[in-house]
Amino acid sequence: MSAKIELVYFEGCPHAAEARARLRVALAELAAPIEWAEWDTDVATTPEPYRRYGSPTVLVNGKDVAGGVEASGRGCVVGGAPSVATIVGAIREAGR
């Protein structure tokens, strides 16, 4: 598997911990290394493009696994963390 996986969030987001847990489960299900990059949109060193995503957003090869769109500022994703199945599907698709 060669997918680049990233989690975009902000500290205090009530769904960020669930997104991390679902990422762990998804990667374990795929027998893939349990690793990804994280971007806290409240940290000054986070690149500007990541600041446009709601929290939490899981990106696989730069694409939001939930099919969301970039927003104009800080906010929570209405549906919360993407499902394990959604994450697994996006990683599998990226590997094709």
C-alpha atoms as a PDB file:
ATOM      1  CA  MET A   1       0.000   0.000   0.000  1.00  0.00           C
ATOM      2  CA  SER A   2       1.425   3.351  -0.972  1.00  0.00           C
ATOM      3  CA  ALA A   3      -1.399   5.724  -0.034  1.00  0.00           C
ATOM      4  CA  LYS A   4      -0.607   8.962   1.753  1.00  0.00           C
ATOM      5  CA  ILE A   5      -3.008   9.241   4.694  1.00  0.00           C
ATOM      6  CA  GLU A   6      -3.611  12.450   6.628  1.00  0.00           C
ATOM      7  CA  LEU A   7      -5.930  13.553   9.404  1.00  0.00           C
ATOM      8  CA  VAL A   8      -6.998  17.193   9.506  1.00  0.00           C
ATOM      9  CA  TYR A   9      -8.525  18.365  12.782  1.00  0.00           C
ATOM     10  CA  PHE A  10      -8.387  21.011  15.454  1.00  0.00           C
ATOM     11  CA  GLU A  11      -7.714  20.424  19.136  1.00  0.00           C
ATOM     12  CA  GLY A  12     -10.987  20.233  20.989  1.00  0.00           C
ATOM     13  CA  CYS A  13     -12.969  18.802  18.085  1.00  0.00           C
ATOM     14  CA  PRO A  14     -15.286  16.219  19.640  1.00  0.00           C
ATOM     15  CA  HIS A  15     -14.832  13.832  16.674  1.00  0.00           C
ATOM     16  CA  ALA A  16     -11.032  13.880  16.275  1.00  0.00           C
ATOM     17  CA  ALA A  17     -10.393  10.990  18.694  1.00  0.00           C
ATOM     18  CA  GLU A  18     -13.018   8.866  16.925  1.00  0.00           C
ATOM     19  CA  ALA A  19     -11.357   9.596  13.571  1.00  0.00           C
ATOM     20  CA  ARG A  20      -8.007   8.407  14.954  1.00  0.00           C
ATOM     21  CA  ALA A  21      -9.607   5.242  16.334  1.00  0.00           C
ATOM     22  CA  ARG A  22     -11.316   4.519  13.009  1.00  0.00           C
ATOM     23  CA  LEU A  23      -8.059   5.098  11.122  1.00  0.00           C
ATOM     24  CA  ARG A  24      -6.333   2.541  13.379  1.00  0.00           C
ATOM     25  CA  VAL A  25      -9.078  -0.020  12.774  1.00  0.00           C
ATOM     26  CA  ALA A  26      -9.127   0.594   9.013  1.00  0.00           C
ATOM     27  CA  LEU A  27      -5.369   0.241   8.679  1.00  0.00           C
ATOM     28  CA  ALA A  28      -5.340  -2.878  10.859  1.00  0.00           C
ATOM     29  CA  GLU A  29      -8.100  -4.352   8.694  1.00  0.00           C
ATOM     30  CA  LEU A  30      -5.896  -3.765   5.654  1.00  0.00           C
ATOM     31  CA  ALA A  31      -2.832  -5.159   7.441  1.00  0.00           C
ATOM     32  CA  ALA A  32      -1.150  -1.822   6.703  1.00  0.00           C
ATOM     33  CA  PRO A  33       1.236   0.156   8.920  1.00  0.00           C
ATOM     34  CA  ILE A  34      -0.701   2.117  11.541  1.00  0.00           C
ATOM     35  CA  GLU A  35       0.642   5.542  10.576  1.00  0.00           C
ATOM     36  CA  TRP A  36      -0.572   8.800   9.098  1.00  0.00           C
ATOM     37  CA  ALA A  37       0.268  12.492   9.196  1.00  0.00           C
ATOM     38  CA  GLU A  38      -1.811  14.869  11.291  1.00  0.00           C
ATOM     39  CA  TRP A  39      -2.547  18.528  10.675  1.00  0.00           C
ATOM     40  CA  ASP A  40      -3.993  20.672  13.480  1.00  0.00           C
ATOM     41  CA  THR A  41      -5.634  23.623  11.765  1.00  0.00           C
ATOM     42  CA  ASP A  42      -5.023  25.801  14.833  1.00  0.00           C
ATOM     43  CA  VAL A  43      -1.235  25.415  14.615  1.00  0.00           C
ATOM     44  CA  ALA A  44       0.546  28.209  12.760  1.00  0.00           C
ATOM     45  CA  THR A  45       2.898  25.803  10.931  1.00  0.00           C
ATOM     46  CA  THR A  46       0.027  23.859   9.346  1.00  0.00           C
ATOM     47  CA  PRO A  47       0.070  24.615   5.604  1.00  0.00           C
ATOM     48  CA  GLU A  48      -2.773  26.840   4.409  1.00  0.00           C
ATOM     49  CA  PRO A  49      -4.461  24.248   2.141  1.00  0.00           C
ATOM     50  CA  TYR A  50      -5.216  22.059   5.178  1.00  0.00           C
ATOM     51  CA  ARG A  51      -6.897  24.938   7.023  1.00  0.00           C
ATOM     52  CA  ARG A  52      -9.796  24.770   4.564  1.00  0.00           C
ATOM     53  CA  TYR A  53     -11.005  21.376   5.776  1.00  0.00           C
ATOM     54  CA  GLY A  54     -13.468  20.741   8.573  1.00  0.00           C
ATOM     55  CA  SER A  55     -12.523  18.653  11.582  1.00  0.00           C
ATOM     56  CA  PRO A  56     -12.062  15.767  11.341  1.00  0.00           C
ATOM     57  CA  THR A  57     -11.216  15.136   7.712  1.00  0.00           C
ATOM     58  CA  VAL A  58      -9.353  12.034   6.560  1.00  0.00           C
ATOM     59  CA  LEU A  59      -7.424  12.522   3.331  1.00  0.00           C
ATOM     60  CA  VAL A  60      -6.086   9.680   1.194  1.00  0.00           C
ATOM     61  CA  ASN A  61      -3.678  10.928  -1.457  1.00  0.00           C
ATOM     62  CA  GLY A  62      -5.047  14.431  -0.891  1.00  0.00           C
ATOM     63  CA  LYS A  63      -8.694  13.473  -1.372  1.00  0.00           C
ATOM     64  CA  ASP A  64     -11.332  13.699   1.367  1.00  0.00           C
ATOM     65  CA  VAL A  65     -12.530  10.107   1.902  1.00  0.00           C
ATOM     66  CA  ALA A  66     -16.029  11.335   2.779  1.00  0.00           C
ATOM     67  CA  GLY A  67     -16.309  13.357  -0.414  1.00  0.00           C
ATOM     68  CA  GLY A  68     -16.514  16.646   1.442  1.00  0.00           C
ATOM     69  CA  VAL A  69     -15.486  19.949  -0.008  1.00  0.00           C
ATOM     70  CA  GLU A  70     -13.021  22.450   1.308  1.00  0.00           C
ATOM     71  CA  ALA A  71     -14.607  25.150   3.410  1.00  0.00           C
ATOM     72  CA  SER A  72     -13.538  28.689   4.070  1.00  0.00           C
ATOM     73  CA  GLY A  73     -12.589  28.305   7.701  1.00  0.00           C
ATOM     74  CA  ARG A  74     -12.511  26.387  10.957  1.00  0.00           C
ATOM     75  CA  GLY A  75     -15.460  24.142  11.683  1.00  0.00           C
ATOM     76  CA  CYS A  76     -16.645  20.687  12.611  1.00  0.00           C
ATOM     77  CA  VAL A  77     -17.701  18.134  10.027  1.00  0.00           C
ATOM     78  CA  VAL A  78     -21.441  17.714  10.525  1.00  0.00           C
ATOM     79  CA  GLY A  79     -21.404  13.919  10.212  1.00  0.00           C
ATOM     80  CA  GLY A  80     -18.376  13.445  12.464  1.00  0.00           C
ATOM     81  CA  ALA A  81     -15.574  11.035  11.632  1.00  0.00           C
ATOM     82  CA  PRO A  82     -15.775   8.973   8.427  1.00  0.00           C
ATOM     83  CA  SER A  83     -16.662   5.308   8.896  1.00  0.00           C
ATOM     84  CA  VAL A  84     -14.093   2.538   8.900  1.00  0.00           C
ATOM     85  CA  ALA A  85     -15.642   1.171   5.697  1.00  0.00           C
ATOM     86  CA  THR A  86     -15.296   4.557   3.991  1.00  0.00           C
ATOM     87  CA  ILE A  87     -11.645   4.830   4.998  1.00  0.00           C
ATOM     88  CA  VAL A  88     -10.897   1.251   3.915  1.00  0.00           C
ATOM     89  CA  GLY A  89     -12.611   1.823   0.575  1.00  0.00           C
ATOM     90  CA  ALA A  90     -10.654   5.016  -0.097  1.00  0.00           C
ATOM     91  CA  ILE A  91      -7.332   3.344   0.723  1.00  0.00           C
ATOM     92  CA  ARG A  92      -8.134   0.362  -1.483  1.00  0.00           C
ATOM     93  CA  GLU A  93      -9.157   2.669  -4.332  1.00  0.00           C
ATOM     94  CA  ALA A  94      -5.920   4.640  -3.968  1.00  0.00           C
ATOM     95  CA  GLY A  95      -3.933   1.418  -4.239  1.00  0.00           C
ATOM     96  CA  ARG A  96      -5.387   0.507  -7.638  1.00  0.00           C
END
